[in-house]
């Protein structure tokens, strides 16, 4: 029996979602603020989170970012009144599995919950990301470059993971800022360049390519 965490501060909406999910065989718990939601989600025991963005305490974007930084991989469906493209992109790139706007129909939410649970059940757990002789262990949070074992800071870890999940793909500074530093990033900041230099110093200067005017890329090994 699947357990669903409902992170929602509007009592009427939380009760509506909870009653509907329970009527369809799910076990539910409601968290009315972001701090409680984060603690419960990180504590384990849940199979999916329905997450509001406008939570008191930590907002939903912060909860989502901290869950993903802590390697909590349970599916998250954002349920929010925010419907701008910027918000949607920030949520999905920040680690949300789905995004629904209020007002909503419960039947659609139920269908998305079931879909995400089925997808999560089928997906094998990836514990090590690799590209050539570069690898990143998601459990120990350590990288290996050739024969060298490398310790990373929290931000360096998230940045390298992003590159390893998109080998050969050019990632713009804006994409990197949004993914690694979250919703409240400063598009004029040079923090991406600073952290790329740090990764190069630890892993080797050739590991991350600069694509002038576009961004950065983790080169894939020559297969010829």
Protein backbone atom coordinates (compact mmCIF):
# COMPACT_ATOMS: atom_id res chain seq x y z
CA UNK A 1 0.00 0.00 0.00
CA UNK A 2 1.55 3.28 -1.13
CA UNK A 3 2.07 6.14 1.30
CA UNK A 4 1.61 9.70 0.04
CA UNK A 5 2.87 12.85 1.77
CA UNK A 6 0.64 15.86 1.07
CA UNK A 7 2.54 19.11 1.69
CA UNK A 8 -0.23 21.71 1.61
CA UNK A 9 -1.03 24.57 3.97
CA UNK A 10 -4.58 25.26 2.75
CA UNK A 11 -6.69 23.01 4.95
CA UNK A 12 -9.57 22.77 2.47
CA UNK A 13 -7.33 21.60 -0.37
CA UNK A 14 -5.30 19.25 1.86
CA UNK A 15 -8.51 17.62 3.14
CA UNK A 16 -9.89 17.28 -0.40
CA UNK A 17 -6.74 15.60 -1.70
CA UNK A 18 -6.37 13.41 1.39
CA UNK A 19 -9.95 12.13 1.25
CA UNK A 20 -9.69 11.38 -2.44
CA UNK A 21 -6.41 9.48 -2.12
CA UNK A 22 -7.60 7.51 0.89
CA UNK A 23 -10.77 6.56 -0.99
CA UNK A 24 -8.52 5.09 -3.68
CA UNK A 25 -6.49 2.96 -1.29
CA UNK A 26 -3.56 5.21 -0.41
CA UNK A 27 -2.21 5.95 3.06
CA UNK A 28 -1.77 9.70 3.49
CA UNK A 29 -0.04 12.15 5.80
CA UNK A 30 -0.49 15.93 5.64
CA UNK A 31 2.29 18.44 6.36
CA UNK A 32 1.13 22.06 6.57
CA UNK A 33 4.54 23.78 6.38
CA UNK A 34 7.76 23.34 4.47
CA UNK A 35 9.98 22.45 7.43
CA UNK A 36 7.68 19.58 8.46
CA UNK A 37 7.33 18.39 4.88
CA UNK A 38 11.10 18.29 4.35
CA UNK A 39 11.71 16.40 7.58
CA UNK A 40 9.05 13.81 6.86
CA UNK A 41 10.10 13.31 3.24
CA UNK A 42 13.75 12.92 4.21
CA UNK A 43 12.81 10.51 6.99
CA UNK A 44 11.65 7.89 4.50
CA UNK A 45 8.52 5.78 4.54
CA UNK A 46 6.78 7.65 1.72
CA UNK A 47 6.40 6.66 -1.91
CA UNK A 48 5.43 10.05 -3.35
CA UNK A 49 5.02 13.71 -2.36
CA UNK A 50 2.28 16.07 -3.49
CA UNK A 51 3.97 19.42 -2.92
CA UNK A 52 2.56 22.95 -2.80
CA UNK A 53 4.97 25.78 -3.60
CA UNK A 54 3.49 28.47 -1.33
CA UNK A 55 4.24 26.75 1.98
CA UNK A 56 5.05 28.66 5.16
CA UNK A 57 8.60 28.22 6.45
CA UNK A 58 10.58 26.67 3.62
CA UNK A 59 8.67 27.17 0.39
CA UNK A 60 8.12 24.31 -2.03
CA UNK A 61 11.08 25.21 -4.23
CA UNK A 62 13.38 25.06 -1.22
CA UNK A 63 11.90 21.76 -0.02
CA UNK A 64 12.34 20.26 -3.49
CA UNK A 65 15.91 21.50 -3.87
CA UNK A 66 16.98 20.22 -0.45
CA UNK A 67 15.37 16.84 -1.08
CA UNK A 68 17.28 16.40 -4.32
CA UNK A 69 20.52 17.65 -2.80
CA UNK A 70 20.05 15.03 -0.06
CA UNK A 71 19.61 12.36 -2.79
CA UNK A 72 15.98 11.71 -1.86
CA UNK A 73 14.60 10.33 -5.11
CA UNK A 74 10.94 9.72 -4.31
CA UNK A 75 8.60 11.20 -6.95
CA UNK A 76 7.33 14.76 -6.37
CA UNK A 77 4.20 16.16 -7.99
CA UNK A 78 3.98 19.93 -7.56
CA UNK A 79 0.42 21.17 -7.03
CA UNK A 80 0.36 24.97 -7.06
CA UNK A 81 -1.54 28.08 -8.04
CA UNK A 82 1.58 29.36 -9.84
CA UNK A 83 1.23 28.87 -13.57
CA UNK A 84 4.01 30.96 -15.14
CA UNK A 85 6.45 29.31 -17.50
CA UNK A 86 9.34 30.48 -15.31
CA UNK A 87 7.91 28.76 -12.25
CA UNK A 88 7.12 25.57 -14.14
CA UNK A 89 10.59 25.35 -15.68
CA UNK A 90 12.25 26.11 -12.33
CA UNK A 91 10.25 23.35 -10.65
CA UNK A 92 10.86 20.69 -13.28
CA UNK A 93 14.55 21.51 -13.65
CA UNK A 94 14.80 21.59 -9.86
CA UNK A 95 13.75 17.95 -9.64
CA UNK A 96 9.95 17.83 -9.74
CA UNK A 97 8.53 14.85 -11.62
CA UNK A 98 5.29 16.57 -12.54
CA UNK A 99 3.57 19.98 -12.27
CA UNK A 100 -0.14 20.68 -11.84
CA UNK A 101 -1.82 24.04 -11.39
CA UNK A 102 -4.80 24.92 -9.21
CA UNK A 103 -7.73 24.72 -9.69
CA UNK A 104 -7.46 21.06 -10.66
CA UNK A 105 -9.60 17.97 -11.10
CA UNK A 106 -8.91 15.19 -8.64
CA UNK A 107 -9.21 12.55 -11.39
CA UNK A 108 -6.24 14.07 -13.17
CA UNK A 109 -4.17 14.25 -9.98
CA UNK A 110 -5.00 10.61 -9.23
CA UNK A 111 -3.94 9.55 -12.72
CA UNK A 112 -0.63 11.38 -12.37
CA UNK A 113 0.00 9.89 -8.92
CA UNK A 114 -0.54 6.38 -10.27
CA UNK A 115 1.67 7.06 -13.31
CA UNK A 116 4.55 8.36 -11.21
CA UNK A 117 4.34 5.43 -8.83
CA UNK A 118 4.40 2.95 -11.72
CA UNK A 119 7.36 4.74 -13.31
CA UNK A 120 9.29 4.79 -10.02
CA UNK A 121 8.64 1.09 -9.49
CA UNK A 122 10.03 0.22 -12.94
CA UNK A 123 13.08 2.45 -12.84
CA UNK A 124 16.26 0.76 -11.59
CA UNK A 125 18.19 2.72 -9.01
CA UNK A 126 21.30 4.32 -10.50
CA UNK A 127 24.06 4.62 -7.93
CA UNK A 128 27.07 5.46 -10.12
CA UNK A 129 27.15 7.86 -13.08
CA UNK A 130 29.94 7.37 -15.64
CA UNK A 131 31.44 9.08 -18.66
CA UNK A 132 34.68 7.56 -19.87
CA UNK A 133 37.08 7.26 -16.93
CA UNK A 134 35.12 9.82 -14.93
CA UNK A 135 32.56 8.51 -12.45
CA UNK A 136 30.44 9.80 -9.58
CA UNK A 137 29.16 7.61 -6.77
CA UNK A 138 25.79 8.97 -5.64
CA UNK A 139 26.00 7.15 -2.31
CA UNK A 140 29.47 8.16 -1.14
CA UNK A 141 29.31 11.52 -3.01
CA UNK A 142 32.83 10.97 -4.32
CA UNK A 143 34.15 11.27 -7.84
CA UNK A 144 36.83 9.23 -9.53
CA UNK A 145 38.90 10.71 -12.36
CA UNK A 146 41.06 7.98 -13.83
CA UNK A 147 42.77 6.39 -10.82
CA UNK A 148 42.28 9.39 -8.54
CA UNK A 149 39.54 9.56 -5.92
CA UNK A 150 38.18 13.09 -5.48
CA UNK A 151 36.20 14.62 -2.62
CA UNK A 152 33.64 17.23 -3.65
CA UNK A 153 31.76 20.00 -1.88
CA UNK A 154 27.95 19.84 -1.92
CA UNK A 155 27.64 22.29 -4.84
CA UNK A 156 30.47 20.67 -6.78
CA UNK A 157 28.72 17.33 -6.38
CA UNK A 158 25.41 18.63 -7.76
CA UNK A 159 27.20 20.40 -10.63
CA UNK A 160 29.17 17.31 -11.63
CA UNK A 161 26.04 15.16 -11.39
CA UNK A 162 24.29 17.55 -13.77
CA UNK A 163 27.10 17.25 -16.30
CA UNK A 164 27.23 13.46 -15.99
CA UNK A 165 23.49 13.15 -16.54
CA UNK A 166 23.85 15.18 -19.77
CA UNK A 167 27.18 14.08 -21.33
CA UNK A 168 27.96 15.80 -24.61
CA UNK A 169 25.15 18.34 -24.10
CA UNK A 170 25.90 22.05 -23.92
CA UNK A 171 24.42 23.47 -20.71
CA UNK A 172 23.91 27.22 -20.52
CA UNK A 173 24.88 29.18 -17.43
CA UNK A 174 21.19 29.85 -16.81
CA UNK A 175 20.38 26.12 -16.89
CA UNK A 176 23.21 25.38 -14.49
CA UNK A 177 22.27 28.22 -12.13
CA UNK A 178 18.66 27.09 -12.01
CA UNK A 179 19.51 23.44 -11.37
CA UNK A 180 22.37 23.83 -8.91
CA UNK A 181 21.46 27.03 -7.11
CA UNK A 182 17.69 26.82 -7.34
CA UNK A 183 14.94 29.25 -8.12
CA UNK A 184 16.39 32.39 -6.53
CA UNK A 185 19.50 32.63 -8.66
CA UNK A 186 21.11 35.82 -9.97
CA UNK A 187 21.45 35.53 -13.76
CA UNK A 188 24.33 38.03 -13.66
CA UNK A 189 26.39 36.01 -11.21
CA UNK A 190 29.72 34.43 -12.19
CA UNK A 191 29.29 31.63 -9.64
CA UNK A 192 29.01 29.00 -12.40
CA UNK A 193 32.42 29.95 -13.80
CA UNK A 194 33.91 29.82 -10.30
CA UNK A 195 32.60 26.30 -9.66
CA UNK A 196 33.56 25.03 -13.11
CA UNK A 197 37.12 26.18 -12.43
CA UNK A 198 36.99 24.34 -9.09
CA UNK A 199 35.85 21.14 -10.81
CA UNK A 200 38.60 21.45 -13.42
CA UNK A 201 41.20 21.91 -10.69
CA UNK A 202 40.05 18.74 -8.96
CA UNK A 203 39.23 16.55 -11.97
CA UNK A 204 41.49 17.87 -14.73
CA UNK A 205 41.25 20.92 -16.96
CA UNK A 206 40.01 18.90 -19.95
CA UNK A 207 36.98 17.49 -18.13
CA UNK A 208 34.65 20.42 -18.79
CA UNK A 209 34.74 22.28 -22.10
CA UNK A 210 33.82 25.94 -22.52
CA UNK A 211 31.55 26.50 -25.53
CA UNK A 212 32.01 30.20 -26.17
CA UNK A 213 28.80 32.20 -26.01
CA UNK A 214 26.75 29.12 -25.08
CA UNK A 215 27.91 27.49 -21.86
CA UNK A 216 29.76 24.36 -20.77
CA UNK A 217 29.86 20.73 -21.86
CA UNK A 218 31.17 17.47 -20.47
CA UNK A 219 32.85 15.89 -23.52
CA UNK A 220 32.03 12.30 -24.29
CA UNK A 221 34.95 9.93 -24.91
CA UNK A 222 35.98 9.22 -28.50
CA UNK A 223 34.38 5.92 -29.48
CA UNK A 224 36.46 5.43 -32.61
